[in-house]
Amino acid sequence: MRIGELAARADTTTRTLRYYESRGLLTARRSVNGYRTYDEEDLRMLRQIRMLQDFGFGLEETRPFVECLRAGHPAGDSCPASLQVYRAKLAELDECIDRLRQVRDQVGAQLLRAEEDMARLAEGAAGADPSCELRPHP
């Protein structure tokens, strides 16, 4: 298949395919008239790359998976190097989740403090002069 057909079937652009080729992730063969040609294995590699990128993997992180497929393995993640990339990504995600939990806890504490301050202000204002405005603490 030619580059346009591969791009359409992989739901990407020809520019992206040329970029992958320049990075060594995709290898085009040339027809007698010089057109790039690809086969079903190329489509399979592209689908592997796209799936991993959808999961947040960087383009270079996909390389071991592509190399695994090129080596003839049935799946891109059936090689030790691919498993190592999975492990590293899981560790990265765990760190991110931990940071988000900490931020969530801080935002929750700030909200609780702000609600308590507002409640105290409202209680104090109940007997105040109605012309006074409630102003939150800075």
Protein backbone atom coordinates (compact mmCIF):
# COMPACT_ATOMS: atom_id res chain seq x y z
CA MET A 1 0.00 0.00 0.00
CA ARG A 2 1.12 3.56 -0.57
CA ILE A 3 1.70 6.17 2.10
CA GLY A 4 -1.72 7.83 1.75
CA GLU A 5 -3.56 4.55 2.21
CA LEU A 6 -1.43 3.59 5.20
CA ALA A 7 -2.04 7.01 6.78
CA ALA A 8 -5.79 6.66 6.28
CA ARG A 9 -5.88 3.12 7.67
CA ALA A 10 -3.77 4.13 10.69
CA ASP A 11 -5.82 7.29 11.24
CA THR A 12 -2.79 9.56 10.96
CA THR A 13 -1.15 11.82 8.39
CA THR A 14 1.46 11.21 5.74
CA ARG A 15 3.59 13.84 7.46
CA THR A 16 3.53 11.78 10.66
CA LEU A 17 4.53 8.66 8.73
CA ARG A 18 7.47 10.48 7.15
CA TYR A 19 8.50 11.68 10.61
CA TYR A 20 8.34 8.14 12.00
CA GLU A 21 10.43 7.04 9.05
CA SER A 22 13.03 9.75 9.78
CA ARG A 23 13.17 8.51 13.39
CA GLY A 24 13.72 4.91 12.27
CA LEU A 25 10.40 3.63 13.60
CA LEU A 26 8.94 2.94 10.19
CA THR A 27 10.77 1.62 7.16
CA ALA A 28 9.41 2.33 3.72
CA ARG A 29 10.21 0.25 0.74
CA ARG A 30 10.25 1.93 -2.67
CA SER A 31 8.36 0.82 -5.73
CA VAL A 32 9.96 1.00 -9.19
CA ASN A 33 8.48 4.47 -9.66
CA GLY A 34 9.93 5.65 -6.31
CA TYR A 35 6.73 5.67 -4.27
CA ARG A 36 6.90 4.56 -0.67
CA THR A 37 5.20 1.22 -0.13
CA TYR A 38 4.10 -0.45 3.08
CA ASP A 39 2.46 -3.68 4.15
CA GLU A 40 0.22 -4.99 6.92
CA GLU A 41 3.16 -5.34 9.31
CA ASP A 42 3.82 -1.62 8.98
CA LEU A 43 0.19 -0.96 9.81
CA ARG A 44 0.52 -3.23 12.83
CA MET A 45 3.59 -1.30 14.04
CA LEU A 46 1.78 1.99 13.57
CA ARG A 47 -1.18 0.78 15.57
CA GLN A 48 1.20 -0.26 18.36
CA ILE A 49 2.86 3.17 18.33
CA ARG A 50 -0.46 4.99 18.31
CA MET A 51 -1.89 2.91 21.15
CA LEU A 52 1.17 3.54 23.31
CA GLN A 53 1.08 7.26 22.53
CA ASP A 54 -2.60 7.33 23.48
CA PHE A 55 -1.51 5.89 26.84
CA GLY A 56 1.00 8.73 27.27
CA PHE A 57 4.17 7.03 26.06
CA GLY A 58 6.66 9.25 24.27
CA LEU A 59 7.71 8.37 20.75
CA GLU A 60 11.11 7.07 21.87
CA GLU A 61 9.43 4.92 24.49
CA THR A 62 7.66 3.08 21.67
CA ARG A 63 10.92 2.00 20.04
CA PRO A 64 11.39 -1.27 22.02
CA PHE A 65 7.85 -2.32 21.08
CA VAL A 66 8.49 -1.65 17.38
CA GLU A 67 11.81 -3.48 17.53
CA CYS A 68 10.09 -6.42 19.21
CA LEU A 69 7.55 -6.61 16.38
CA ARG A 70 10.31 -6.31 13.79
CA ALA A 71 12.11 -9.22 15.45
CA GLY A 72 9.09 -11.37 14.61
CA HIS A 73 7.42 -11.54 18.00
CA PRO A 74 3.63 -11.85 17.98
CA ALA A 75 3.19 -8.75 20.16
CA GLY A 76 5.26 -5.63 20.70
CA ASP A 77 5.32 -6.21 24.43
CA SER A 78 6.66 -9.74 24.41
CA CYS A 79 10.31 -8.66 24.76
CA PRO A 80 12.26 -7.76 27.92
CA ALA A 81 12.99 -4.20 26.72
CA SER A 82 9.28 -3.52 26.23
CA LEU A 83 8.48 -4.83 29.69
CA GLN A 84 11.10 -2.49 31.13
CA VAL A 85 9.42 0.47 29.42
CA TYR A 86 6.08 -0.62 30.91
CA ARG A 87 7.68 -0.77 34.37
CA ALA A 88 9.21 2.69 33.99
CA LYS A 89 5.90 4.15 32.78
CA LEU A 90 4.02 2.61 35.71
CA ALA A 91 6.53 4.12 38.14
CA GLU A 92 6.11 7.50 36.44
CA LEU A 93 2.32 7.23 36.64
CA ASP A 94 2.48 6.22 40.32
CA GLU A 95 4.57 9.32 41.07
CA CYS A 96 2.10 11.49 39.21
CA ILE A 97 -0.85 9.97 41.07
CA ASP A 98 0.92 10.53 44.40
CA ARG A 99 1.55 14.20 43.53
CA LEU A 100 -2.07 14.65 42.48
CA ARG A 101 -3.28 13.11 45.75
CA GLN A 102 -1.11 15.54 47.70
CA VAL A 103 -2.45 18.49 45.73
CA ARG A 104 -6.00 17.22 46.20
CA ASP A 105 -5.46 16.98 49.95
CA GLN A 106 -4.10 20.53 50.03
CA VAL A 107 -6.99 21.91 48.00
CA GLY A 108 -9.45 20.07 50.24
CA ALA A 109 -7.83 21.54 53.35
CA GLN A 110 -7.97 25.04 51.84
CA LEU A 111 -11.64 24.59 50.98
CA LEU A 112 -12.45 23.43 54.51
CA ARG A 113 -10.59 26.39 56.00
CA ALA A 114 -12.34 28.82 53.67
CA GLU A 115 -15.78 27.38 54.46
CA GLU A 116 -15.10 27.60 58.21
CA ASP A 117 -13.94 31.22 57.82
CA MET A 118 -17.08 32.09 55.86
CA ALA A 119 -19.28 30.43 58.50
CA ARG A 120 -17.57 32.39 61.29
CA LEU A 121 -17.99 35.62 59.35
CA ALA A 122 -21.66 34.89 58.74
CA GLU A 123 -22.25 34.16 62.46
CA GLY A 124 -20.49 37.35 63.49
CA ALA A 125 -22.46 39.37 60.97
CA ALA A 126 -25.85 38.19 62.26
CA GLY A 127 -25.95 40.88 64.95
CA ALA A 128 -23.96 43.49 63.04
CA ASP A 129 -25.16 46.65 61.40
CA PRO A 130 -26.94 45.63 58.15
CA SER A 131 -25.00 48.29 56.26
CA CYS A 132 -21.70 46.44 56.90
CA GLU A 133 -20.39 44.20 54.16
CA LEU A 134 -18.85 40.84 54.79
CA ARG A 135 -15.32 40.73 53.47
CA PRO A 136 -13.35 37.45 53.34
CA HIS A 137 -9.92 37.35 54.91
CA PRO A 138 -7.04 38.03 52.52
